[in-house]
Amino acid sequence: MAKPLATMRRKRLGLELKRMREARALDREAVASILQTDLSRISRIETGKATLSRLELSTWLDACEVNDDRLRSGLLQLNAQGRKKGWWQKRGDFIPPTLQEAIDLEQTASVIFEHRQAFVPGLLQTAEYAEAMIRSFPLVGGGTVEEGVQVRMTRQEVLDGPSAPQAFWILDEAALHREVGGPKVMAGQLRKLLDAGNPPHLNIQVLPFRRGAYHCISSSFHLFTYKEPSEMDLVLVEYERGRLFLEEDYDVEPFRRSSDRLRDQALSTEDSKELISSIMQSFERN
């Protein structure tokens, strides 16, 4: 079985600690000496591959002269969260490591942006649509189709409750016409899109065929935004053999610009609902 990757919470903490260390012109050797640990462990902490105790984190923050109580409290909380296993990590026998990290991104982001071309995003799928999709693609981590559907439905719970992220989905009209599971399944899926759209919390926009070529027409991606304590954005790009996570700001910035352009080019949420409704009605008649 593949070794689980570091959770994105630990990576966020590690990146923030690295930024603080560099801002104080401290090298890794100095921090290793202060924490009374070896240099390789400092490197693993900053890449999210090793954890810290509460005392070690407090010592690191003291060394970097971090006196903001709110920031310290937020980082201590982030550290505690990173040491805990989420429900998705407890199913490592079934959920592959890169999907675990993608779920962790969803669970902790304050804003989720997704541009999708060929099919409806997982966080918006009905169980019937998800089942048809999973039956079309072998499960990477093994397990049954039913288990795959249950994981996808459980992931959607992140959109409910007071701490739910703000979400933006930009869908190519092709995803609405592609008949996954048959007309009845598609009608139910498009009905869910109509019910799910609830601006400004949940926003669904469509790029219609009549717009012709548009920005990022050849690629799909996710952009995750995090607020305090470590304000940062992360990008997830899916490809044939897996998922690519982008963390450095120079890699992320082009995707920020792309997300803004796509939102401008797509139909408004109200006009998108009208288009979705008309396509849904065509499936209902079949």
C-alpha atoms as a PDB file:
ATOM      1  CA  MET A   1       0.000   0.000   0.000  1.00  0.00           C
ATOM      2  CA  ALA A   2       1.281   3.485  -0.845  1.00  0.00           C
ATOM      3  CA  LYS A   3       2.546   5.522   2.086  1.00  0.00           C
ATOM      4  CA  PRO A   4       0.063   8.297   2.953  1.00  0.00           C
ATOM      5  CA  LEU A   5       1.184  11.762   1.947  1.00  0.00           C
ATOM      6  CA  ALA A   6       1.381  14.678   4.375  1.00  0.00           C
ATOM      7  CA  THR A   7      -1.956  16.325   4.993  1.00  0.00           C
ATOM      8  CA  MET A   8      -2.403  19.755   3.506  1.00  0.00           C
ATOM      9  CA  ARG A   9      -2.842  21.190   6.994  1.00  0.00           C
ATOM     10  CA  ARG A  10       0.686  20.130   7.913  1.00  0.00           C
ATOM     11  CA  LYS A  11       1.962  21.506   4.613  1.00  0.00           C
ATOM     12  CA  ARG A  12       0.267  24.843   5.283  1.00  0.00           C
ATOM     13  CA  LEU A  13       1.808  24.984   8.746  1.00  0.00           C
ATOM     14  CA  GLY A  14       5.217  24.032   7.401  1.00  0.00           C
ATOM     15  CA  LEU A  15       5.128  26.710   4.713  1.00  0.00           C
ATOM     16  CA  GLU A  16       4.141  29.332   7.287  1.00  0.00           C
ATOM     17  CA  LEU A  17       6.927  28.278   9.668  1.00  0.00           C
ATOM     18  CA  LYS A  18       9.443  28.417   6.817  1.00  0.00           C
ATOM     19  CA  ARG A  19       8.251  31.919   5.886  1.00  0.00           C
ATOM     20  CA  MET A  20       8.602  33.073   9.501  1.00  0.00           C
ATOM     21  CA  ARG A  21      12.065  31.554   9.842  1.00  0.00           C
ATOM     22  CA  GLU A  22      13.307  33.219   6.666  1.00  0.00           C
ATOM     23  CA  ALA A  23      11.768  36.558   7.692  1.00  0.00           C
ATOM     24  CA  ARG A  24      13.950  36.459  10.835  1.00  0.00           C
ATOM     25  CA  ALA A  25      17.010  35.434   8.760  1.00  0.00           C
ATOM     26  CA  LEU A  26      17.317  32.174  10.687  1.00  0.00           C
ATOM     27  CA  ASP A  27      18.760  29.177   8.887  1.00  0.00           C
ATOM     28  CA  ARG A  28      17.554  25.623   9.482  1.00  0.00           C
ATOM     29  CA  GLU A  29      20.649  24.787  11.514  1.00  0.00           C
ATOM     30  CA  ALA A  30      19.768  27.535  14.009  1.00  0.00           C
ATOM     31  CA  VAL A  31      16.197  26.316  14.442  1.00  0.00           C
ATOM     32  CA  ALA A  32      17.369  22.707  14.738  1.00  0.00           C
ATOM     33  CA  SER A  33      19.704  23.785  17.545  1.00  0.00           C
ATOM     34  CA  ILE A  34      16.931  25.704  19.328  1.00  0.00           C
ATOM     35  CA  LEU A  35      14.540  22.750  19.085  1.00  0.00           C
ATOM     36  CA  GLN A  36      17.350  20.318  19.941  1.00  0.00           C
ATOM     37  CA  THR A  37      16.627  18.169  16.927  1.00  0.00           C
ATOM     38  CA  ASP A  38      18.391  17.259  13.682  1.00  0.00           C
ATOM     39  CA  LEU A  39      18.504  19.301  10.481  1.00  0.00           C
ATOM     40  CA  SER A  40      16.617  16.731   8.391  1.00  0.00           C
ATOM     41  CA  ARG A  41      13.640  16.908  10.741  1.00  0.00           C
ATOM     42  CA  ILE A  42      13.412  20.686  10.315  1.00  0.00           C
ATOM     43  CA  SER A  43      13.280  20.109   6.567  1.00  0.00           C
ATOM     44  CA  ARG A  44      10.528  17.520   7.006  1.00  0.00           C
ATOM     45  CA  ILE A  45       8.528  19.864   9.248  1.00  0.00           C
ATOM     46  CA  GLU A  46       8.683  22.662   6.671  1.00  0.00           C
ATOM     47  CA  THR A  47       7.460  20.314   3.925  1.00  0.00           C
ATOM     48  CA  GLY A  48       4.651  18.902   6.060  1.00  0.00           C
ATOM     49  CA  LYS A  49       6.189  15.439   6.366  1.00  0.00           C
ATOM     50  CA  ALA A  50       6.843  15.612  10.117  1.00  0.00           C
ATOM     51  CA  THR A  51       4.819  16.895  13.049  1.00  0.00           C
ATOM     52  CA  LEU A  52       5.718  19.086  16.006  1.00  0.00           C
ATOM     53  CA  SER A  53       4.648  18.918  19.615  1.00  0.00           C
ATOM     54  CA  ARG A  54       2.821  21.936  21.058  1.00  0.00           C
ATOM     55  CA  LEU A  55       5.978  22.864  22.997  1.00  0.00           C
ATOM     56  CA  GLU A  56       8.174  22.631  19.878  1.00  0.00           C
ATOM     57  CA  LEU A  57       5.820  24.866  17.911  1.00  0.00           C
ATOM     58  CA  SER A  58       5.726  27.424  20.734  1.00  0.00           C
ATOM     59  CA  THR A  59       9.525  27.382  20.854  1.00  0.00           C
ATOM     60  CA  TRP A  60       9.722  27.889  17.067  1.00  0.00           C
ATOM     61  CA  LEU A  61       7.343  30.860  17.289  1.00  0.00           C
ATOM     62  CA  ASP A  62       9.360  32.335  20.162  1.00  0.00           C
ATOM     63  CA  ALA A  63      12.547  32.027  18.107  1.00  0.00           C
ATOM     64  CA  CYS A  64      10.845  33.872  15.245  1.00  0.00           C
ATOM     65  CA  GLU A  65       9.557  36.525  17.692  1.00  0.00           C
ATOM     66  CA  VAL A  66       5.898  35.898  16.838  1.00  0.00           C
ATOM     67  CA  ASN A  67       4.002  37.892  19.489  1.00  0.00           C
ATOM     68  CA  ASP A  68       0.575  38.110  17.859  1.00  0.00           C
ATOM     69  CA  ASP A  69      -1.654  36.077  20.199  1.00  0.00           C
ATOM     70  CA  ARG A  70      -4.275  35.476  17.520  1.00  0.00           C
ATOM     71  CA  LEU A  71      -1.690  34.204  15.035  1.00  0.00           C
ATOM     72  CA  ARG A  72      -0.031  31.992  17.628  1.00  0.00           C
ATOM     73  CA  SER A  73      -3.371  30.533  18.680  1.00  0.00           C
ATOM     74  CA  GLY A  74      -4.340  29.868  15.062  1.00  0.00           C
ATOM     75  CA  LEU A  75      -1.058  28.102  14.294  1.00  0.00           C
ATOM     76  CA  LEU A  76      -1.301  25.997  17.443  1.00  0.00           C
ATOM     77  CA  GLN A  77      -4.799  24.969  16.415  1.00  0.00           C
ATOM     78  CA  LEU A  78      -3.640  24.182  12.875  1.00  0.00           C
ATOM     79  CA  ASN A  79      -0.850  22.042  14.327  1.00  0.00           C
ATOM     80  CA  ALA A  80      -3.311  20.126  16.497  1.00  0.00           C
ATOM     81  CA  GLN A  81      -5.588  19.535  13.506  1.00  0.00           C
ATOM     82  CA  GLY A  82      -2.661  18.312  11.424  1.00  0.00           C
ATOM     83  CA  ARG A  83      -1.864  15.652  14.026  1.00  0.00           C
ATOM     84  CA  LYS A  84      -5.386  14.224  13.910  1.00  0.00           C
ATOM     85  CA  LYS A  85      -6.668  11.796  11.314  1.00  0.00           C
ATOM     86  CA  GLY A  86      -9.752  12.732   9.311  1.00  0.00           C
ATOM     87  CA  TRP A  87     -12.326  10.155   8.238  1.00  0.00           C
ATOM     88  CA  TRP A  88     -10.684   9.986   4.809  1.00  0.00           C
ATOM     89  CA  GLN A  89      -7.278   9.102   6.284  1.00  0.00           C
ATOM     90  CA  LYS A  90      -8.777   6.279   8.306  1.00  0.00           C
ATOM     91  CA  ARG A  91      -9.775   4.665   5.002  1.00  0.00           C
ATOM     92  CA  GLY A  92      -6.252   4.478   3.629  1.00  0.00           C
ATOM     93  CA  ASP A  93      -6.975   0.902   2.567  1.00  0.00           C
ATOM     94  CA  PHE A  94      -9.434   2.263   0.041  1.00  0.00           C
ATOM     95  CA  ILE A  95      -8.794   5.989  -0.559  1.00  0.00           C
ATOM     96  CA  PRO A  96      -5.456   6.574  -2.356  1.00  0.00           C
ATOM     97  CA  PRO A  97      -3.020   9.125  -0.859  1.00  0.00           C
ATOM     98  CA  THR A  98      -3.510  11.879  -3.448  1.00  0.00           C
ATOM     99  CA  LEU A  99      -7.298  11.691  -3.032  1.00  0.00           C
ATOM    100  CA  GLN A 100      -6.804  11.934   0.735  1.00  0.00           C
ATOM    101  CA  GLU A 101      -4.905  15.189   0.199  1.00  0.00           C
ATOM    102  CA  ALA A 102      -7.590  16.496  -2.166  1.00  0.00           C
ATOM    103  CA  ILE A 103     -10.268  15.767   0.450  1.00  0.00           C
ATOM    104  CA  ASP A 104      -8.149  17.481   3.096  1.00  0.00           C
ATOM    105  CA  LEU A 105      -8.014  20.556   0.874  1.00  0.00           C
ATOM    106  CA  GLU A 106     -11.813  20.572   0.586  1.00  0.00           C
ATOM    107  CA  GLN A 107     -12.282  20.120   4.326  1.00  0.00           C
ATOM    108  CA  THR A 108     -10.096  23.049   5.379  1.00  0.00           C
ATOM    109  CA  ALA A 109     -10.463  25.683   2.636  1.00  0.00           C
ATOM    110  CA  SER A 110     -12.367  28.903   3.168  1.00  0.00           C
ATOM    111  CA  VAL A 111     -12.993  29.319  -0.587  1.00  0.00           C
ATOM    112  CA  ILE A 112     -13.150  26.587  -3.251  1.00  0.00           C
ATOM    113  CA  PHE A 113     -13.021  27.389  -6.965  1.00  0.00           C
ATOM    114  CA  GLU A 114     -13.346  24.653  -9.572  1.00  0.00           C
ATOM    115  CA  HIS A 115     -13.358  24.807 -13.346  1.00  0.00           C
ATOM    116  CA  ARG A 116     -14.681  21.583 -14.877  1.00  0.00           C
ATOM    117  CA  GLN A 117     -15.105  20.715 -18.542  1.00  0.00           C
ATOM    118  CA  ALA A 118     -16.241  17.155 -19.165  1.00  0.00           C
ATOM    119  CA  PHE A 119     -18.402  16.199 -16.186  1.00  0.00           C
ATOM    120  CA  VAL A 120     -20.173  17.492 -13.086  1.00  0.00           C
ATOM    121  CA  PRO A 121     -17.786  18.049 -10.117  1.00  0.00           C
ATOM    122  CA  GLY A 122     -17.769  15.443  -7.362  1.00  0.00           C
ATOM    123  CA  LEU A 123     -19.027  17.868  -4.699  1.00  0.00           C
ATOM    124  CA  LEU A 124     -22.178  18.419  -6.790  1.00  0.00           C
ATOM    125  CA  GLN A 125     -22.898  14.883  -7.990  1.00  0.00           C
ATOM    126  CA  THR A 126     -25.973  12.851  -7.136  1.00  0.00           C
ATOM    127  CA  ALA A 127     -25.407   9.310  -5.902  1.00  0.00           C
ATOM    128  CA  GLU A 128     -26.755   7.923  -9.184  1.00  0.00           C
ATOM    129  CA  TYR A 129     -24.470  10.109 -11.304  1.00  0.00           C
ATOM    130  CA  ALA A 130     -21.489   9.259  -9.069  1.00  0.00           C
ATOM    131  CA  GLU A 131     -22.194   5.552  -9.410  1.00  0.00           C
ATOM    132  CA  ALA A 132     -22.297   5.790 -13.209  1.00  0.00           C
ATOM    133  CA  MET A 133     -19.021   7.732 -13.201  1.00  0.00           C
ATOM    134  CA  ILE A 134     -17.275   5.277 -10.877  1.00  0.00           C
ATOM    135  CA  ARG A 135     -18.423   2.283 -12.919  1.00  0.00           C
ATOM    136  CA  SER A 136     -16.804   3.917 -15.954  1.00  0.00           C
ATOM    137  CA  PHE A 137     -13.411   4.350 -14.244  1.00  0.00           C
ATOM    138  CA  PRO A 138     -11.759   1.627 -12.109  1.00  0.00           C
ATOM    139  CA  LEU A 139     -11.251   2.684  -8.498  1.00  0.00           C
ATOM    140  CA  VAL A 140      -7.567   3.496  -8.012  1.00  0.00           C
ATOM    141  CA  GLY A 141      -7.440   2.369  -4.390  1.00  0.00           C
ATOM    142  CA  GLY A 142      -9.646  -0.688  -4.762  1.00  0.00           C
ATOM    143  CA  GLY A 143     -12.922  -1.141  -2.901  1.00  0.00           C
ATOM    144  CA  THR A 144     -16.460  -1.478  -4.191  1.00  0.00           C
ATOM    145  CA  VAL A 145     -18.519   0.912  -6.286  1.00  0.00           C
ATOM    146  CA  GLU A 146     -20.823   1.395  -3.300  1.00  0.00           C
ATOM    147  CA  GLU A 147     -17.874   2.446  -1.121  1.00  0.00           C
ATOM    148  CA  GLY A 148     -16.751   4.878  -3.799  1.00  0.00           C
ATOM    149  CA  VAL A 149     -20.206   6.464  -3.953  1.00  0.00           C
ATOM    150  CA  GLN A 150     -20.352   6.723  -0.157  1.00  0.00           C
ATOM    151  CA  VAL A 151     -17.003   8.521  -0.019  1.00  0.00           C
ATOM    152  CA  ARG A 152     -18.180  11.013  -2.632  1.00  0.00           C
ATOM    153  CA  MET A 153     -21.437  11.665  -0.768  1.00  0.00           C
ATOM    154  CA  THR A 154     -19.603  12.083   2.546  1.00  0.00           C
ATOM    155  CA  ARG A 155     -17.254  14.618   0.934  1.00  0.00           C
ATOM    156  CA  GLN A 156     -20.265  16.770   0.078  1.00  0.00           C
ATOM    157  CA  GLU A 157     -21.072  17.293   3.768  1.00  0.00           C
ATOM    158  CA  VAL A 158     -18.309  19.935   3.811  1.00  0.00           C
ATOM    159  CA  LEU A 159     -20.727  22.266   1.991  1.00  0.00           C
ATOM    160  CA  ASP A 160     -23.163  22.229   4.926  1.00  0.00           C
ATOM    161  CA  GLY A 161     -22.937  23.917   8.296  1.00  0.00           C
ATOM    162  CA  PRO A 162     -21.669  27.254   9.649  1.00  0.00           C
ATOM    163  CA  SER A 163     -18.012  26.640   8.712  1.00  0.00           C
ATOM    164  CA  ALA A 164     -18.753  25.639   5.110  1.00  0.00           C
ATOM    165  CA  PRO A 165     -16.486  27.216   2.467  1.00  0.00           C
ATOM    166  CA  GLN A 166     -17.691  29.650  -0.146  1.00  0.00           C
ATOM    167  CA  ALA A 167     -17.661  27.728  -3.425  1.00  0.00           C
ATOM    168  CA  PHE A 168     -17.522  28.694  -7.098  1.00  0.00           C
ATOM    169  CA  TRP A 169     -17.972  26.205  -9.947  1.00  0.00           C
ATOM    170  CA  ILE A 170     -17.454  27.126 -13.582  1.00  0.00           C
ATOM    171  CA  LEU A 171     -18.850  24.359 -15.823  1.00  0.00           C
ATOM    172  CA  ASP A 172     -18.484  23.903 -19.553  1.00  0.00           C
ATOM    173  CA  GLU A 173     -21.903  23.367 -21.115  1.00  0.00           C
ATOM    174  CA  ALA A 174     -20.558  20.041 -22.436  1.00  0.00           C
ATOM    175  CA  ALA A 175     -20.676  18.642 -18.880  1.00  0.00           C
ATOM    176  CA  LEU A 176     -24.420  19.310 -18.792  1.00  0.00           C
ATOM    177  CA  HIS A 177     -25.127  17.504 -22.061  1.00  0.00           C
ATOM    178  CA  ARG A 178     -22.874  14.477 -21.565  1.00  0.00           C
ATOM    179  CA  GLU A 179     -25.311  11.647 -20.808  1.00  0.00           C
ATOM    180  CA  VAL A 180     -23.856   9.926 -17.757  1.00  0.00           C
ATOM    181  CA  GLY A 181     -26.111   7.119 -16.513  1.00  0.00           C
ATOM    182  CA  GLY A 182     -28.962   7.838 -18.926  1.00  0.00           C
ATOM    183  CA  PRO A 183     -31.629  10.568 -19.279  1.00  0.00           C
ATOM    184  CA  LYS A 184     -33.268   9.939 -15.881  1.00  0.00           C
ATOM    185  CA  VAL A 185     -29.952  10.183 -14.031  1.00  0.00           C
ATOM    186  CA  MET A 186     -29.030  13.341 -15.936  1.00  0.00           C
ATOM    187  CA  ALA A 187     -32.369  14.978 -15.195  1.00  0.00           C
ATOM    188  CA  GLY A 188     -31.852  14.288 -11.493  1.00  0.00           C
ATOM    189  CA  GLN A 189     -28.298  15.568 -11.646  1.00  0.00           C
ATOM    190  CA  LEU A 190     -29.262  18.837 -13.300  1.00  0.00           C
ATOM    191  CA  ARG A 191     -32.082  19.263 -10.780  1.00  0.00           C
ATOM    192  CA  LYS A 192     -29.474  19.001  -8.030  1.00  0.00           C
ATOM    193  CA  LEU A 193     -27.408  21.739  -9.691  1.00  0.00           C
ATOM    194  CA  LEU A 194     -30.452  23.995  -9.693  1.00  0.00           C
ATOM    195  CA  ASP A 195     -31.139  23.248  -6.030  1.00  0.00           C
ATOM    196  CA  ALA A 196     -27.483  23.587  -4.982  1.00  0.00           C
ATOM    197  CA  GLY A 197     -26.868  27.017  -6.485  1.00  0.00           C
ATOM    198  CA  ASN A 198     -27.273  29.479  -3.646  1.00  0.00           C
ATOM    199  CA  PRO A 199     -25.234  32.680  -4.156  1.00  0.00           C
ATOM    200  CA  PRO A 200     -23.130  34.048  -2.582  1.00  0.00           C
ATOM    201  CA  HIS A 201     -22.391  30.824  -0.665  1.00  0.00           C
ATOM    202  CA  LEU A 202     -22.590  28.291  -3.517  1.00  0.00           C
ATOM    203  CA  ASN A 203     -22.162  29.693  -7.015  1.00  0.00           C
ATOM    204  CA  ILE A 204     -22.612  27.733 -10.253  1.00  0.00           C
ATOM    205  CA  GLN A 205     -21.846  29.378 -13.606  1.00  0.00           C
ATOM    206  CA  VAL A 206     -21.875  27.853 -17.077  1.00  0.00           C
ATOM    207  CA  LEU A 207     -19.682  28.579 -20.075  1.00  0.00           C
ATOM    208  CA  PRO A 208     -22.177  28.109 -22.947  1.00  0.00           C
ATOM    209  CA  PHE A 209     -21.320  26.675 -26.350  1.00  0.00           C
ATOM    210  CA  ARG A 210     -22.182  29.982 -27.968  1.00  0.00           C
ATOM    211  CA  ARG A 211     -19.209  31.630 -26.244  1.00  0.00           C
ATOM    212  CA  GLY A 212     -16.914  29.600 -28.492  1.00  0.00           C
ATOM    213  CA  ALA A 213     -13.304  29.275 -27.346  1.00  0.00           C
ATOM    214  CA  TYR A 214     -12.623  30.600 -23.861  1.00  0.00           C
ATOM    215  CA  HIS A 215      -9.797  30.933 -21.365  1.00  0.00           C
ATOM    216  CA  CYS A 216      -8.567  27.535 -20.034  1.00  0.00           C
ATOM    217  CA  ILE A 217     -10.756  25.639 -22.497  1.00  0.00           C
ATOM    218  CA  SER A 218      -8.230  22.796 -22.528  1.00  0.00           C
ATOM    219  CA  SER A 219      -7.799  22.285 -18.775  1.00  0.00           C
ATOM    220  CA  SER A 220      -9.648  21.842 -15.495  1.00  0.00           C
ATOM    221  CA  PHE A 221      -8.343  22.881 -12.074  1.00  0.00           C
ATOM    222  CA  HIS A 222      -9.189  23.600  -8.438  1.00  0.00           C
ATOM    223  CA  LEU A 223      -8.103  26.708  -6.530  1.00  0.00           C
ATOM    224  CA  PHE A 224      -8.318  26.521  -2.732  1.00  0.00           C
ATOM    225  CA  THR A 225      -8.035  29.654  -0.609  1.00  0.00           C
ATOM    226  CA  TYR A 226      -7.155  29.655   3.094  1.00  0.00           C
ATOM    227  CA  LYS A 227      -7.565  32.531   5.488  1.00  0.00           C
ATOM    228  CA  GLU A 228      -6.009  32.870   8.932  1.00  0.00           C
ATOM    229  CA  PRO A 229      -3.661  31.749  10.350  1.00  0.00           C
ATOM    230  CA  SER A 230      -1.781  30.984   7.105  1.00  0.00           C
ATOM    231  CA  GLU A 231      -3.287  33.058   4.338  1.00  0.00           C
ATOM    232  CA  MET A 232      -2.431  31.222   1.161  1.00  0.00           C
ATOM    233  CA  ASP A 233      -3.830  29.617  -1.985  1.00  0.00           C
ATOM    234  CA  LEU A 234      -3.202  26.114  -3.303  1.00  0.00           C
ATOM    235  CA  VAL A 235      -3.967  24.660  -6.732  1.00  0.00           C
ATOM    236  CA  LEU A 236      -4.926  21.105  -7.619  1.00  0.00           C
ATOM    237  CA  VAL A 237      -4.592  19.973 -11.228  1.00  0.00           C
ATOM    238  CA  GLU A 238      -5.812  16.507 -12.193  1.00  0.00           C
ATOM    239  CA  TYR A 239      -4.266  14.534 -15.013  1.00  0.00           C
ATOM    240  CA  GLU A 240      -4.465  11.011 -16.429  1.00  0.00           C
ATOM    241  CA  ARG A 241      -2.285   9.325 -13.822  1.00  0.00           C
ATOM    242  CA  GLY A 242      -2.966  11.383 -10.718  1.00  0.00           C
ATOM    243  CA  ARG A 243      -3.130  14.829  -9.130  1.00  0.00           C
ATOM    244  CA  LEU A 244      -0.610  17.664  -9.027  1.00  0.00           C
ATOM    245  CA  PHE A 245      -0.536  20.071  -6.071  1.00  0.00           C
ATOM    246  CA  LEU A 246       0.906  23.559  -6.603  1.00  0.00           C
ATOM    247  CA  GLU A 247       1.890  25.571  -3.526  1.00  0.00           C
ATOM    248  CA  GLU A 248       4.444  28.197  -4.526  1.00  0.00           C
ATOM    249  CA  ASP A 249       2.939  31.600  -5.199  1.00  0.00           C
ATOM    250  CA  TYR A 250       4.560  31.963  -8.632  1.00  0.00           C
ATOM    251  CA  ASP A 251       2.819  28.707  -9.666  1.00  0.00           C
ATOM    252  CA  VAL A 252      -0.523  29.656  -8.118  1.00  0.00           C
ATOM    253  CA  GLU A 253      -0.829  33.244  -9.387  1.00  0.00           C
ATOM    254  CA  PRO A 254      -1.684  32.318 -13.028  1.00  0.00           C
ATOM    255  CA  PHE A 255      -4.577  30.213 -11.744  1.00  0.00           C
ATOM    256  CA  ARG A 256      -5.877  33.106  -9.643  1.00  0.00           C
ATOM    257  CA  ARG A 257      -5.980  35.231 -12.802  1.00  0.00           C
ATOM    258  CA  SER A 258      -7.596  32.389 -14.734  1.00  0.00           C
ATOM    259  CA  SER A 259     -10.338  31.980 -12.114  1.00  0.00           C
ATOM    260  CA  ASP A 260     -11.217  35.678 -12.405  1.00  0.00           C
ATOM    261  CA  ARG A 261     -11.319  35.527 -16.215  1.00  0.00           C
ATOM    262  CA  LEU A 262     -13.476  32.407 -16.223  1.00  0.00           C
ATOM    263  CA  ARG A 263     -16.006  33.966 -13.855  1.00  0.00           C
ATOM    264  CA  ASP A 264     -16.191  37.008 -16.141  1.00  0.00           C
ATOM    265  CA  GLN A 265     -16.612  34.915 -19.293  1.00  0.00           C
ATOM    266  CA  ALA A 266     -19.255  32.552 -17.887  1.00  0.00           C
ATOM    267  CA  LEU A 267     -22.969  33.269 -17.707  1.00  0.00           C
ATOM    268  CA  SER A 268     -24.275  34.852 -14.519  1.00  0.00           C
ATOM    269  CA  THR A 269     -25.639  32.481 -11.903  1.00  0.00           C
ATOM    270  CA  GLU A 270     -29.224  33.343 -12.889  1.00  0.00           C
ATOM    271  CA  ASP A 271     -28.620  32.915 -16.619  1.00  0.00           C
ATOM    272  CA  SER A 272     -26.766  29.688 -15.857  1.00  0.00           C
ATOM    273  CA  LYS A 273     -29.824  28.380 -13.998  1.00  0.00           C
ATOM    274  CA  GLU A 274     -31.983  29.093 -17.022  1.00  0.00           C
ATOM    275  CA  LEU A 275     -29.636  27.148 -19.286  1.00  0.00           C
ATOM    276  CA  ILE A 276     -29.391  24.244 -16.837  1.00  0.00           C
ATOM    277  CA  SER A 277     -33.180  24.151 -16.529  1.00  0.00           C
ATOM    278  CA  SER A 278     -33.689  24.016 -20.304  1.00  0.00           C
ATOM    279  CA  ILE A 279     -31.210  21.151 -20.677  1.00  0.00           C
ATOM    280  CA  MET A 280     -32.818  19.328 -17.748  1.00  0.00           C
ATOM    281  CA  GLN A 281     -36.219  19.568 -19.411  1.00  0.00           C
ATOM    282  CA  SER A 282     -34.825  17.982 -22.583  1.00  0.00           C
ATOM    283  CA  PHE A 283     -33.633  15.001 -20.534  1.00  0.00           C
ATOM    284  CA  GLU A 284     -37.006  14.761 -18.781  1.00  0.00           C
ATOM    285  CA  ARG A 285     -38.734  14.438 -22.148  1.00  0.00           C
ATOM    286  CA  ASN A 286     -36.563  11.439 -23.119  1.00  0.00           C
END
